[in-house]
């Protein structure tokens, strides 16, 4: 039997605090989370098979993870400097670019998942 230590439980709580922080403070995270829930509802509506569910849930997780990572970069940059510096802007822009690339990819994946069900 696997024994979970207090340190591991504390670590899990810290992770949940991070997600809670993102949900409370990051508008884009809220939007992406909500869109994820909507797509899950459509997955039920269209009676997704196991493979479709796997792709859908992986896609949702990928977008939310990218947004969390973007938030990390923004917070760290703001922690390091309050001045407007070209490197700070580049770091934030690149991080936002990751979210954009992932989101476009996931939107395309969503078309592959949902269009066959919509078109019949």
PDB file of N, CA and C in Angstrom:
ATOM      1  N   UNK A   1       0.842  -1.190   0.000  1.00  0.00           N
ATOM      2  CA  UNK A   1       0.000   0.000   0.000  1.00  0.00           C
ATOM      3  C   UNK A   1       0.882   1.247   0.000  1.00  0.00           C
ATOM      4  N   UNK A   2       0.509   2.224  -0.785  1.00  0.00           N
ATOM      5  CA  UNK A   2       1.262   3.461  -0.894  1.00  0.00           C
ATOM      6  C   UNK A   2       0.874   4.390   0.257  1.00  0.00           C
ATOM      7  N   UNK A   3       1.901   4.900   0.921  1.00  0.00           N
ATOM      8  CA  UNK A   3       1.658   5.818   2.024  1.00  0.00           C
ATOM      9  C   UNK A   3       1.940   7.243   1.551  1.00  0.00           C
ATOM     10  N   UNK A   4       0.965   8.115   1.752  1.00  0.00           N
ATOM     11  CA  UNK A   4       1.121   9.511   1.367  1.00  0.00           C
ATOM     12  C   UNK A   4       1.566  10.294   2.593  1.00  0.00           C
ATOM     13  N   UNK A   5       2.665  11.026   2.430  1.00  0.00           N
ATOM     14  CA  UNK A   5       3.220  11.774   3.553  1.00  0.00           C
ATOM     15  C   UNK A   5       2.574  13.152   3.668  1.00  0.00           C
ATOM     16  N   UNK A   6       2.788  13.790   4.810  1.00  0.00           N
ATOM     17  CA  UNK A   6       2.264  15.140   5.023  1.00  0.00           C
ATOM     18  C   UNK A   6       2.878  16.121   4.029  1.00  0.00           C
ATOM     19  N   UNK A   7       4.140  15.899   3.695  1.00  0.00           N
ATOM     20  CA  UNK A   7       4.807  16.767   2.715  1.00  0.00           C
ATOM     21  C   UNK A   7       4.133  16.668   1.356  1.00  0.00           C
ATOM     22  N   UNK A   8       3.761  15.467   0.945  1.00  0.00           N
ATOM     23  CA  UNK A   8       3.085  15.284  -0.338  1.00  0.00           C
ATOM     24  C   UNK A   8       1.701  15.918  -0.331  1.00  0.00           C
ATOM     25  N   UNK A   9       1.003  15.791   0.776  1.00  0.00           N
ATOM     26  CA  UNK A   9      -0.319  16.406   0.899  1.00  0.00           C
ATOM     27  C   UNK A   9      -0.184  17.924   0.836  1.00  0.00           C
ATOM     28  N   UNK A  10       0.811  18.476   1.534  1.00  0.00           N
ATOM     29  CA  UNK A  10       1.047  19.918   1.519  1.00  0.00           C
ATOM     30  C   UNK A  10       1.381  20.386   0.100  1.00  0.00           C
ATOM     31  N   UNK A  11       2.181  19.612  -0.603  1.00  0.00           N
ATOM     32  CA  UNK A  11       2.557  19.941  -1.970  1.00  0.00           C
ATOM     33  C   UNK A  11       1.325  19.976  -2.873  1.00  0.00           C
ATOM     34  N   UNK A  12       0.433  19.021  -2.696  1.00  0.00           N
ATOM     35  CA  UNK A  12      -0.809  18.985  -3.466  1.00  0.00           C
ATOM     36  C   UNK A  12      -1.665  20.208  -3.149  1.00  0.00           C
ATOM     37  N   UNK A  13      -1.708  20.603  -1.890  1.00  0.00           N
ATOM     38  CA  UNK A  13      -2.475  21.791  -1.498  1.00  0.00           C
ATOM     39  C   UNK A  13      -1.903  23.047  -2.154  1.00  0.00           C
ATOM     40  N   UNK A  14      -0.569  23.143  -2.204  1.00  0.00           N
ATOM     41  CA  UNK A  14       0.061  24.292  -2.866  1.00  0.00           C
ATOM     42  C   UNK A  14      -0.335  24.341  -4.340  1.00  0.00           C
ATOM     43  N   UNK A  15      -0.358  23.194  -4.976  1.00  0.00           N
ATOM     44  CA  UNK A  15      -0.751  23.138  -6.389  1.00  0.00           C
ATOM     45  C   UNK A  15      -2.199  23.603  -6.558  1.00  0.00           C
ATOM     46  N   UNK A  16      -3.066  23.151  -5.672  1.00  0.00           N
ATOM     47  CA  UNK A  16      -4.468  23.592  -5.736  1.00  0.00           C
ATOM     48  C   UNK A  16      -4.593  25.095  -5.493  1.00  0.00           C
ATOM     49  N   UNK A  17      -3.761  25.631  -4.607  1.00  0.00           N
ATOM     50  CA  UNK A  17      -3.762  27.076  -4.367  1.00  0.00           C
ATOM     51  C   UNK A  17      -3.370  27.824  -5.637  1.00  0.00           C
ATOM     52  N   UNK A  18      -2.428  27.271  -6.389  1.00  0.00           N
ATOM     53  CA  UNK A  18      -2.024  27.894  -7.648  1.00  0.00           C
ATOM     54  C   UNK A  18      -3.158  27.931  -8.649  1.00  0.00           C
ATOM     55  N   UNK A  19      -3.861  26.824  -8.785  1.00  0.00           N
ATOM     56  CA  UNK A  19      -4.995  26.778  -9.708  1.00  0.00           C
ATOM     57  C   UNK A  19      -6.091  27.730  -9.226  1.00  0.00           C
ATOM     58  N   UNK A  20      -6.319  27.753  -7.932  1.00  0.00           N
ATOM     59  CA  UNK A  20      -7.322  28.657  -7.359  1.00  0.00           C
ATOM     60  C   UNK A  20      -6.942  30.118  -7.627  1.00  0.00           C
ATOM     61  N   UNK A  21      -5.668  30.453  -7.474  1.00  0.00           N
ATOM     62  CA  UNK A  21      -5.194  31.811  -7.752  1.00  0.00           C
ATOM     63  C   UNK A  21      -5.459  32.171  -9.209  1.00  0.00           C
ATOM     64  N   UNK A  22      -5.116  31.257 -10.108  1.00  0.00           N
ATOM     65  CA  UNK A  22      -5.321  31.522 -11.537  1.00  0.00           C
ATOM     66  C   UNK A  22      -6.805  31.732 -11.827  1.00  0.00           C
ATOM     67  N   UNK A  23      -7.640  30.912 -11.224  1.00  0.00           N
ATOM     68  CA  UNK A  23      -9.080  31.025 -11.459  1.00  0.00           C
ATOM     69  C   UNK A  23      -9.630  32.349 -10.940  1.00  0.00           C
ATOM     70  N   UNK A  24      -9.106  32.807  -9.801  1.00  0.00           N
ATOM     71  CA  UNK A  24      -9.585  34.053  -9.207  1.00  0.00           C
ATOM     72  C   UNK A  24      -9.070  35.287  -9.933  1.00  0.00           C
ATOM     73  N   UNK A  25      -7.850  35.233 -10.446  1.00  0.00           N
ATOM     74  CA  UNK A  25      -7.201  36.455 -10.921  1.00  0.00           C
ATOM     75  C   UNK A  25      -6.993  36.528 -12.426  1.00  0.00           C
ATOM     76  N   UNK A  26      -7.071  35.416 -13.130  1.00  0.00           N
ATOM     77  CA  UNK A  26      -6.738  35.408 -14.555  1.00  0.00           C
ATOM     78  C   UNK A  26      -7.989  35.228 -15.401  1.00  0.00           C
ATOM     79  N   UNK A  27      -8.403  36.316 -16.035  1.00  0.00           N
ATOM     80  CA  UNK A  27      -9.611  36.309 -16.849  1.00  0.00           C
ATOM     81  C   UNK A  27      -9.540  35.242 -17.952  1.00  0.00           C
ATOM     82  N   UNK A  28      -8.405  35.162 -18.629  1.00  0.00           N
ATOM     83  CA  UNK A  28      -8.261  34.187 -19.716  1.00  0.00           C
ATOM     84  C   UNK A  28      -8.378  32.751 -19.214  1.00  0.00           C
ATOM     85  N   UNK A  29      -7.854  32.485 -18.021  1.00  0.00           N
ATOM     86  CA  UNK A  29      -7.968  31.137 -17.449  1.00  0.00           C
ATOM     87  C   UNK A  29      -9.434  30.798 -17.219  1.00  0.00           C
ATOM     88  N   UNK A  30     -10.207  31.756 -16.709  1.00  0.00           N
ATOM     89  CA  UNK A  30     -11.639  31.532 -16.489  1.00  0.00           C
ATOM     90  C   UNK A  30     -12.350  31.234 -17.808  1.00  0.00           C
ATOM     91  N   UNK A  31     -12.021  32.005 -18.839  1.00  0.00           N
ATOM     92  CA  UNK A  31     -12.640  31.785 -20.145  1.00  0.00           C
ATOM     93  C   UNK A  31     -12.284  30.397 -20.670  1.00  0.00           C
ATOM     94  N   UNK A  32     -11.015  30.055 -20.613  1.00  0.00           N
ATOM     95  CA  UNK A  32     -10.574  28.760 -21.135  1.00  0.00           C
ATOM     96  C   UNK A  32     -11.165  27.605 -20.332  1.00  0.00           C
ATOM     97  N   UNK A  33     -11.272  27.767 -19.041  1.00  0.00           N
ATOM     98  CA  UNK A  33     -11.884  26.744 -18.198  1.00  0.00           C
ATOM     99  C   UNK A  33     -13.357  26.572 -18.572  1.00  0.00           C
ATOM    100  N   UNK A  34     -14.040  27.695 -18.744  1.00  0.00           N
ATOM    101  CA  UNK A  34     -15.461  27.659 -19.111  1.00  0.00           C
ATOM    102  C   UNK A  34     -15.653  27.011 -20.482  1.00  0.00           C
ATOM    103  N   UNK A  35     -14.818  27.393 -21.445  1.00  0.00           N
ATOM    104  CA  UNK A  35     -14.901  26.770 -22.768  1.00  0.00           C
ATOM    105  C   UNK A  35     -14.622  25.271 -22.684  1.00  0.00           C
ATOM    106  N   UNK A  36     -13.705  24.896 -21.817  1.00  0.00           N
ATOM    107  CA  UNK A  36     -13.433  23.467 -21.609  1.00  0.00           C
ATOM    108  C   UNK A  36     -14.670  22.745 -21.097  1.00  0.00           C
ATOM    109  N   UNK A  37     -15.348  23.347 -20.132  1.00  0.00           N
ATOM    110  CA  UNK A  37     -16.580  22.733 -19.610  1.00  0.00           C
ATOM    111  C   UNK A  37     -17.650  22.621 -20.686  1.00  0.00           C
ATOM    112  N   UNK A  38     -17.773  23.657 -21.501  1.00  0.00           N
ATOM    113  CA  UNK A  38     -18.762  23.636 -22.588  1.00  0.00           C
ATOM    114  C   UNK A  38     -18.449  22.511 -23.561  1.00  0.00           C
ATOM    115  N   UNK A  39     -17.166  22.358 -23.905  1.00  0.00           N
ATOM    116  CA  UNK A  39     -16.815  21.279 -24.835  1.00  0.00           C
ATOM    117  C   UNK A  39     -17.059  19.907 -24.216  1.00  0.00           C
ATOM    118  N   UNK A  40     -16.869  19.793 -22.915  1.00  0.00           N
ATOM    119  CA  UNK A  40     -17.180  18.523 -22.243  1.00  0.00           C
ATOM    120  C   UNK A  40     -18.675  18.236 -22.355  1.00  0.00           C
ATOM    121  N   UNK A  41     -19.502  19.250 -22.152  1.00  0.00           N
ATOM    122  CA  UNK A  41     -20.952  19.063 -22.299  1.00  0.00           C
ATOM    123  C   UNK A  41     -21.304  18.619 -23.714  1.00  0.00           C
ATOM    124  N   UNK A  42     -20.667  19.229 -24.710  1.00  0.00           N
ATOM    125  CA  UNK A  42     -20.908  18.811 -26.088  1.00  0.00           C
ATOM    126  C   UNK A  42     -20.390  17.395 -26.337  1.00  0.00           C
ATOM    127  N   UNK A  43     -19.314  17.033 -25.660  1.00  0.00           N
ATOM    128  CA  UNK A  43     -18.825  15.659 -25.776  1.00  0.00           C
ATOM    129  C   UNK A  43     -19.871  14.657 -25.314  1.00  0.00           C
ATOM    130  N   UNK A  44     -20.553  14.991 -24.212  1.00  0.00           N
ATOM    131  CA  UNK A  44     -21.643  14.130 -23.743  1.00  0.00           C
ATOM    132  C   UNK A  44     -22.809  14.144 -24.733  1.00  0.00           C
ATOM    133  N   UNK A  45     -23.138  15.346 -25.226  1.00  0.00           N
ATOM    134  CA  UNK A  45     -24.237  15.485 -26.172  1.00  0.00           C
ATOM    135  C   UNK A  45     -24.003  14.645 -27.435  1.00  0.00           C
ATOM    136  N   UNK A  46     -22.766  14.660 -27.919  1.00  0.00           N
ATOM    137  CA  UNK A  46     -22.435  13.922 -29.138  1.00  0.00           C
ATOM    138  C   UNK A  46     -22.002  12.483 -28.865  1.00  0.00           C
ATOM    139  N   UNK A  47     -22.087  12.075 -27.606  1.00  0.00           N
ATOM    140  CA  UNK A  47     -21.770  10.696 -27.236  1.00  0.00           C
ATOM    141  C   UNK A  47     -20.364  10.283 -27.707  1.00  0.00           C
ATOM    142  N   UNK A  48     -19.383  11.071 -27.322  1.00  0.00           N
ATOM    143  CA  UNK A  48     -17.995  10.795 -27.705  1.00  0.00           C
ATOM    144  C   UNK A  48     -17.583   9.390 -27.291  1.00  0.00           C
ATOM    145  N   UNK A  49     -16.747   8.795 -28.111  1.00  0.00           N
ATOM    146  CA  UNK A  49     -16.174   7.500 -27.750  1.00  0.00           C
ATOM    147  C   UNK A  49     -14.936   7.716 -26.874  1.00  0.00           C
ATOM    148  N   UNK A  50     -14.347   6.642 -26.423  1.00  0.00           N
ATOM    149  CA  UNK A  50     -13.210   6.716 -25.506  1.00  0.00           C
ATOM    150  C   UNK A  50     -12.046   7.510 -26.105  1.00  0.00           C
ATOM    151  N   UNK A  51     -11.736   7.291 -27.357  1.00  0.00           N
ATOM    152  CA  UNK A  51     -10.632   7.987 -28.008  1.00  0.00           C
ATOM    153  C   UNK A  51     -10.918   9.484 -28.114  1.00  0.00           C
ATOM    154  N   UNK A  52     -12.145   9.851 -28.482  1.00  0.00           N
ATOM    155  CA  UNK A  52     -12.510  11.259 -28.576  1.00  0.00           C
ATOM    156  C   UNK A  52     -12.414  11.949 -27.211  1.00  0.00           C
ATOM    157  N   UNK A  53     -12.860  11.243 -26.166  1.00  0.00           N
ATOM    158  CA  UNK A  53     -12.750  11.800 -24.816  1.00  0.00           C
ATOM    159  C   UNK A  53     -11.294  12.028 -24.437  1.00  0.00           C
ATOM    160  N   UNK A  54     -10.446  11.075 -24.772  1.00  0.00           N
ATOM    161  CA  UNK A  54      -9.038  11.199 -24.433  1.00  0.00           C
ATOM    162  C   UNK A  54      -8.433  12.438 -25.113  1.00  0.00           C
ATOM    163  N   UNK A  55      -8.726  12.623 -26.390  1.00  0.00           N
ATOM    164  CA  UNK A  55      -8.205  13.769 -27.130  1.00  0.00           C
ATOM    165  C   UNK A  55      -8.781  15.075 -26.579  1.00  0.00           C
ATOM    166  N   UNK A  56     -10.078  15.091 -26.313  1.00  0.00           N
ATOM    167  CA  UNK A  56     -10.729  16.297 -25.798  1.00  0.00           C
ATOM    168  C   UNK A  56     -10.140  16.700 -24.444  1.00  0.00           C
ATOM    169  N   UNK A  57     -10.062  15.765 -23.517  1.00  0.00           N
ATOM    170  CA  UNK A  57      -9.561  16.083 -22.175  1.00  0.00           C
ATOM    171  C   UNK A  57      -8.086  16.463 -22.202  1.00  0.00           C
ATOM    172  N   UNK A  58      -7.311  15.803 -23.033  1.00  0.00           N
ATOM    173  CA  UNK A  58      -5.902  16.162 -23.190  1.00  0.00           C
ATOM    174  C   UNK A  58      -5.776  17.583 -23.745  1.00  0.00           C
ATOM    175  N   UNK A  59      -6.618  17.923 -24.694  1.00  0.00           N
ATOM    176  CA  UNK A  59      -6.589  19.264 -25.293  1.00  0.00           C
ATOM    177  C   UNK A  59      -6.940  20.336 -24.263  1.00  0.00           C
ATOM    178  N   UNK A  60      -7.972  20.087 -23.481  1.00  0.00           N
ATOM    179  CA  UNK A  60      -8.364  21.037 -22.440  1.00  0.00           C
ATOM    180  C   UNK A  60      -7.228  21.228 -21.446  1.00  0.00           C
ATOM    181  N   UNK A  61      -6.643  20.134 -21.036  1.00  0.00           N
ATOM    182  CA  UNK A  61      -5.535  20.181 -20.078  1.00  0.00           C
ATOM    183  C   UNK A  61      -4.341  20.943 -20.653  1.00  0.00           C
ATOM    184  N   UNK A  62      -4.080  20.751 -21.924  1.00  0.00           N
ATOM    185  CA  UNK A  62      -2.964  21.427 -22.579  1.00  0.00           C
ATOM    186  C   UNK A  62      -3.162  22.942 -22.573  1.00  0.00           C
ATOM    187  N   UNK A  63      -4.356  23.402 -22.907  1.00  0.00           N
ATOM    188  CA  UNK A  63      -4.638  24.844 -22.925  1.00  0.00           C
ATOM    189  C   UNK A  63      -4.537  25.425 -21.512  1.00  0.00           C
ATOM    190  N   UNK A  64      -5.143  24.762 -20.546  1.00  0.00           N
ATOM    191  CA  UNK A  64      -5.105  25.276 -19.172  1.00  0.00           C
ATOM    192  C   UNK A  64      -3.683  25.280 -18.620  1.00  0.00           C
ATOM    193  N   UNK A  65      -2.913  24.270 -18.950  1.00  0.00           N
ATOM    194  CA  UNK A  65      -1.515  24.221 -18.505  1.00  0.00           C
ATOM    195  C   UNK A  65      -0.691  25.333 -19.137  1.00  0.00           C
ATOM    196  N   UNK A  66      -0.923  25.594 -20.417  1.00  0.00           N
ATOM    197  CA  UNK A  66      -0.203  26.682 -21.080  1.00  0.00           C
ATOM    198  C   UNK A  66      -0.556  28.021 -20.440  1.00  0.00           C
ATOM    199  N   UNK A  67      -1.814  28.203 -20.100  1.00  0.00           N
ATOM    200  CA  UNK A  67      -2.232  29.457 -19.458  1.00  0.00           C
ATOM    201  C   UNK A  67      -1.622  29.585 -18.064  1.00  0.00           C
ATOM    202  N   UNK A  68      -1.545  28.486 -17.326  1.00  0.00           N
ATOM    203  CA  UNK A  68      -0.893  28.525 -16.012  1.00  0.00           C
ATOM    204  C   UNK A  68       0.583  28.883 -16.157  1.00  0.00           C
ATOM    205  N   UNK A  69       1.250  28.282 -17.137  1.00  0.00           N
ATOM    206  CA  UNK A  69       2.661  28.589 -17.369  1.00  0.00           C
ATOM    207  C   UNK A  69       2.842  30.053 -17.768  1.00  0.00           C
ATOM    208  N   UNK A  70       1.934  30.583 -18.568  1.00  0.00           N
ATOM    209  CA  UNK A  70       1.976  31.988 -18.950  1.00  0.00           C
ATOM    210  C   UNK A  70       1.861  32.877 -17.712  1.00  0.00           C
ATOM    211  N   UNK A  71       0.979  32.515 -16.819  1.00  0.00           N
ATOM    212  CA  UNK A  71       0.807  33.281 -15.590  1.00  0.00           C
ATOM    213  C   UNK A  71       2.078  33.244 -14.748  1.00  0.00           C
ATOM    214  N   UNK A  72       2.725  32.084 -14.700  1.00  0.00           N
ATOM    215  CA  UNK A  72       3.986  31.967 -13.962  1.00  0.00           C
ATOM    216  C   UNK A  72       5.016  32.947 -14.519  1.00  0.00           C
ATOM    217  N   UNK A  73       5.163  32.959 -15.836  1.00  0.00           N
ATOM    218  CA  UNK A  73       6.145  33.863 -16.455  1.00  0.00           C
ATOM    219  C   UNK A  73       5.806  35.319 -16.124  1.00  0.00           C
ATOM    220  N   UNK A  74       4.554  35.685 -16.247  1.00  0.00           N
ATOM    221  CA  UNK A  74       4.162  37.063 -15.960  1.00  0.00           C
ATOM    222  C   UNK A  74       4.465  37.447 -14.515  1.00  0.00           C
ATOM    223  N   UNK A  75       4.147  36.563 -13.577  1.00  0.00           N
ATOM    224  CA  UNK A  75       4.376  36.850 -12.157  1.00  0.00           C
ATOM    225  C   UNK A  75       5.871  36.956 -11.871  1.00  0.00           C
ATOM    226  N   UNK A  76       6.659  36.049 -12.429  1.00  0.00           N
ATOM    227  CA  UNK A  76       8.103  36.069 -12.183  1.00  0.00           C
ATOM    228  C   UNK A  76       8.742  37.322 -12.786  1.00  0.00           C
ATOM    229  N   UNK A  77       8.331  37.679 -13.995  1.00  0.00           N
ATOM    230  CA  UNK A  77       8.866  38.896 -14.611  1.00  0.00           C
ATOM    231  C   UNK A  77       8.511  40.104 -13.763  1.00  0.00           C
ATOM    232  N   UNK A  78       7.277  40.182 -13.301  1.00  0.00           N
ATOM    233  CA  UNK A  78       6.864  41.305 -12.455  1.00  0.00           C
ATOM    234  C   UNK A  78       7.603  41.311 -11.122  1.00  0.00           C
ATOM    235  N   UNK A  79       7.957  40.132 -10.627  1.00  0.00           N
ATOM    236  CA  UNK A  79       8.713  40.026  -9.387  1.00  0.00           C
ATOM    237  C   UNK A  79      10.144  40.522  -9.570  1.00  0.00           C
ATOM    238  N   UNK A  80      10.728  40.233 -10.710  1.00  0.00           N
ATOM    239  CA  UNK A  80      12.122  40.584 -10.981  1.00  0.00           C
ATOM    240  C   UNK A  80      12.282  42.075 -11.253  1.00  0.00           C
ATOM    241  N   UNK A  81      11.330  42.665 -11.969  1.00  0.00           N
ATOM    242  CA  UNK A  81      11.458  44.079 -12.303  1.00  0.00           C
ATOM    243  C   UNK A  81      10.097  44.748 -12.404  1.00  0.00           C
ATOM    244  N   UNK A  82      10.033  45.950 -11.901  1.00  0.00           N
ATOM    245  CA  UNK A  82       8.813  46.741 -12.072  1.00  0.00           C
ATOM    246  C   UNK A  82       8.997  47.748 -13.202  1.00  0.00           C
ATOM    247  N   UNK A  83      10.235  47.834 -13.695  1.00  0.00           N
ATOM    248  CA  UNK A  83      10.527  48.729 -14.818  1.00  0.00           C
ATOM    249  C   UNK A  83      10.081  48.091 -16.129  1.00  0.00           C
ATOM    250  N   UNK A  84       9.811  48.949 -17.097  1.00  0.00           N
ATOM    251  CA  UNK A  84       9.503  48.454 -18.435  1.00  0.00           C
ATOM    252  C   UNK A  84      10.824  48.204 -19.141  1.00  0.00           C
ATOM    253  N   UNK A  85      11.101  46.922 -19.395  1.00  0.00           N
ATOM    254  CA  UNK A  85      12.342  46.533 -20.056  1.00  0.00           C
ATOM    255  C   UNK A  85      12.000  45.714 -21.290  1.00  0.00           C
ATOM    256  N   UNK A  86      12.776  45.876 -22.343  1.00  0.00           N
ATOM    257  CA  UNK A  86      12.500  45.105 -23.562  1.00  0.00           C
ATOM    258  C   UNK A  86      12.519  43.593 -23.317  1.00  0.00           C
ATOM    259  N   UNK A  87      13.447  43.112 -22.499  1.00  0.00           N
ATOM    260  CA  UNK A  87      13.523  41.676 -22.242  1.00  0.00           C
ATOM    261  C   UNK A  87      12.305  41.173 -21.481  1.00  0.00           C
ATOM    262  N   UNK A  88      11.797  41.986 -20.573  1.00  0.00           N
ATOM    263  CA  UNK A  88      10.595  41.596 -19.829  1.00  0.00           C
ATOM    264  C   UNK A  88       9.403  41.491 -20.777  1.00  0.00           C
ATOM    265  N   UNK A  89       9.295  42.440 -21.691  1.00  0.00           N
ATOM    266  CA  UNK A  89       8.212  42.400 -22.678  1.00  0.00           C
ATOM    267  C   UNK A  89       8.342  41.168 -23.564  1.00  0.00           C
ATOM    268  N   UNK A  90       9.556  40.882 -24.000  1.00  0.00           N
ATOM    269  CA  UNK A  90       9.776  39.705 -24.850  1.00  0.00           C
ATOM    270  C   UNK A  90       9.373  38.435 -24.116  1.00  0.00           C
ATOM    271  N   UNK A  91       9.768  38.309 -22.842  1.00  0.00           N
ATOM    272  CA  UNK A  91       9.426  37.111 -22.061  1.00  0.00           C
ATOM    273  C   UNK A  91       7.911  36.954 -21.949  1.00  0.00           C
ATOM    274  N   UNK A  92       7.229  38.047 -21.656  1.00  0.00           N
ATOM    275  CA  UNK A  92       5.775  37.984 -21.528  1.00  0.00           C
ATOM    276  C   UNK A  92       5.104  37.703 -22.872  1.00  0.00           C
ATOM    277  N   UNK A  93       5.603  38.335 -23.925  1.00  0.00           N
ATOM    278  CA  UNK A  93       5.029  38.105 -25.250  1.00  0.00           C
ATOM    279  C   UNK A  93       5.238  36.665 -25.713  1.00  0.00           C
ATOM    280  N   UNK A  94       6.425  36.127 -25.480  1.00  0.00           N
ATOM    281  CA  UNK A  94       6.690  34.735 -25.853  1.00  0.00           C
ATOM    282  C   UNK A  94       5.779  33.783 -25.087  1.00  0.00           C
ATOM    283  N   UNK A  95       5.614  34.059 -23.806  1.00  0.00           N
ATOM    284  CA  UNK A  95       4.754  33.213 -22.987  1.00  0.00           C
ATOM    285  C   UNK A  95       3.309  33.264 -23.469  1.00  0.00           C
ATOM    286  N   UNK A  96       2.836  34.450 -23.801  1.00  0.00           N
ATOM    287  CA  UNK A  96       1.485  34.577 -24.356  1.00  0.00           C
ATOM    288  C   UNK A  96       1.406  33.889 -25.717  1.00  0.00           C
ATOM    289  N   UNK A  97       2.501  33.938 -26.468  1.00  0.00           N
ATOM    290  CA  UNK A  97       2.551  33.264 -27.763  1.00  0.00           C
ATOM    291  C   UNK A  97       2.388  31.765 -27.634  1.00  0.00           C
ATOM    292  N   UNK A  98       2.937  31.193 -26.573  1.00  0.00           N
ATOM    293  CA  UNK A  98       2.761  29.758 -26.326  1.00  0.00           C
ATOM    294  C   UNK A  98       1.280  29.439 -26.170  1.00  0.00           C
ATOM    295  N   UNK A  99       0.586  30.250 -25.399  1.00  0.00           N
ATOM    296  CA  UNK A  99      -0.851  30.036 -25.197  1.00  0.00           C
ATOM    297  C   UNK A  99      -1.593  30.160 -26.522  1.00  0.00           C
ATOM    298  N   UNK A 100      -1.214  31.134 -27.332  1.00  0.00           N
ATOM    299  CA  UNK A 100      -1.854  31.318 -28.625  1.00  0.00           C
ATOM    300  C   UNK A 100      -1.647  30.109 -29.536  1.00  0.00           C
ATOM    301  N   UNK A 101      -0.409  29.639 -29.635  1.00  0.00           N
ATOM    302  CA  UNK A 101      -0.109  28.483 -30.494  1.00  0.00           C
ATOM    303  C   UNK A 101      -0.885  27.258 -30.025  1.00  0.00           C
ATOM    304  N   UNK A 102      -0.876  26.997 -28.729  1.00  0.00           N
ATOM    305  CA  UNK A 102      -1.588  25.849 -28.185  1.00  0.00           C
ATOM    306  C   UNK A 102      -3.089  25.992 -28.429  1.00  0.00           C
ATOM    307  N   UNK A 103      -3.618  27.181 -28.228  1.00  0.00           N
ATOM    308  CA  UNK A 103      -5.053  27.401 -28.404  1.00  0.00           C
ATOM    309  C   UNK A 103      -5.489  27.206 -29.851  1.00  0.00           C
ATOM    310  N   UNK A 104      -4.693  27.700 -30.796  1.00  0.00           N
ATOM    311  CA  UNK A 104      -5.026  27.503 -32.210  1.00  0.00           C
ATOM    312  C   UNK A 104      -4.980  26.013 -32.548  1.00  0.00           C
ATOM    313  N   UNK A 105      -3.941  25.328 -32.074  1.00  0.00           N
ATOM    314  CA  UNK A 105      -3.835  23.883 -32.308  1.00  0.00           C
ATOM    315  C   UNK A 105      -5.049  23.149 -31.750  1.00  0.00           C
ATOM    316  N   UNK A 106      -5.436  23.492 -30.532  1.00  0.00           N
ATOM    317  CA  UNK A 106      -6.566  22.827 -29.882  1.00  0.00           C
ATOM    318  C   UNK A 106      -7.876  23.167 -30.601  1.00  0.00           C
ATOM    319  N   UNK A 107      -8.000  24.369 -31.124  1.00  0.00           N
ATOM    320  CA  UNK A 107      -9.200  24.712 -31.898  1.00  0.00           C
ATOM    321  C   UNK A 107      -9.293  23.841 -33.149  1.00  0.00           C
ATOM    322  N   UNK A 108      -8.166  23.602 -33.793  1.00  0.00           N
ATOM    323  CA  UNK A 108      -8.148  22.723 -34.963  1.00  0.00           C
ATOM    324  C   UNK A 108      -8.502  21.297 -34.566  1.00  0.00           C
ATOM    325  N   UNK A 109      -7.950  20.839 -33.474  1.00  0.00           N
ATOM    326  CA  UNK A 109      -8.298  19.510 -32.959  1.00  0.00           C
ATOM    327  C   UNK A 109      -9.794  19.440 -32.677  1.00  0.00           C
ATOM    328  N   UNK A 110     -10.334  20.517 -32.092  1.00  0.00           N
ATOM    329  CA  UNK A 110     -11.768  20.565 -31.812  1.00  0.00           C
ATOM    330  C   UNK A 110     -12.605  20.429 -33.071  1.00  0.00           C
ATOM    331  N   UNK A 111     -12.157  21.047 -34.153  1.00  0.00           N
ATOM    332  CA  UNK A 111     -12.870  20.897 -35.426  1.00  0.00           C
ATOM    333  C   UNK A 111     -12.868  19.435 -35.878  1.00  0.00           C
ATOM    334  N   UNK A 112     -11.725  18.777 -35.760  1.00  0.00           N
ATOM    335  CA  UNK A 112     -11.642  17.363 -36.128  1.00  0.00           C
ATOM    336  C   UNK A 112     -12.552  16.502 -35.249  1.00  0.00           C
ATOM    337  N   UNK A 113     -12.689  16.878 -33.986  1.00  0.00           N
ATOM    338  CA  UNK A 113     -13.523  16.097 -33.073  1.00  0.00           C
ATOM    339  C   UNK A 113     -15.013  16.344 -33.294  1.00  0.00           C
ATOM    340  N   UNK A 114     -15.387  17.611 -33.443  1.00  0.00           N
ATOM    341  CA  UNK A 114     -16.805  17.959 -33.427  1.00  0.00           C
ATOM    342  C   UNK A 114     -17.466  17.993 -34.801  1.00  0.00           C
ATOM    343  N   UNK A 115     -16.747  18.401 -35.845  1.00  0.00           N
ATOM    344  CA  UNK A 115     -17.385  18.522 -37.159  1.00  0.00           C
ATOM    345  C   UNK A 115     -18.030  17.236 -37.664  1.00  0.00           C
ATOM    346  N   UNK A 116     -17.391  16.084 -37.525  1.00  0.00           N
ATOM    347  CA  UNK A 116     -18.081  14.861 -37.985  1.00  0.00           C
ATOM    348  C   UNK A 116     -19.410  14.637 -37.276  1.00  0.00           C
ATOM    349  N   UNK A 117     -19.489  15.002 -36.012  1.00  0.00           N
ATOM    350  CA  UNK A 117     -20.745  14.836 -35.259  1.00  0.00           C
ATOM    351  C   UNK A 117     -21.770  15.887 -35.691  1.00  0.00           C
ATOM    352  N   UNK A 118     -21.313  17.099 -35.958  1.00  0.00           N
ATOM    353  CA  UNK A 118     -22.213  18.184 -36.350  1.00  0.00           C
ATOM    354  C   UNK A 118     -22.767  17.941 -37.747  1.00  0.00           C
ATOM    355  N   UNK A 119     -21.887  17.516 -38.638  1.00  0.00           N
ATOM    356  CA  UNK A 119     -22.288  17.307 -40.039  1.00  0.00           C
ATOM    357  C   UNK A 119     -23.049  16.004 -40.257  1.00  0.00           C
ATOM    358  N   UNK A 120     -22.965  15.142 -39.253  1.00  0.00           N
ATOM    359  CA  UNK A 120     -23.801  13.973 -39.278  1.00  0.00           C
ATOM    360  C   UNK A 120     -23.254  12.754 -39.886  1.00  0.00           C
TER     361      UNK A 120
END
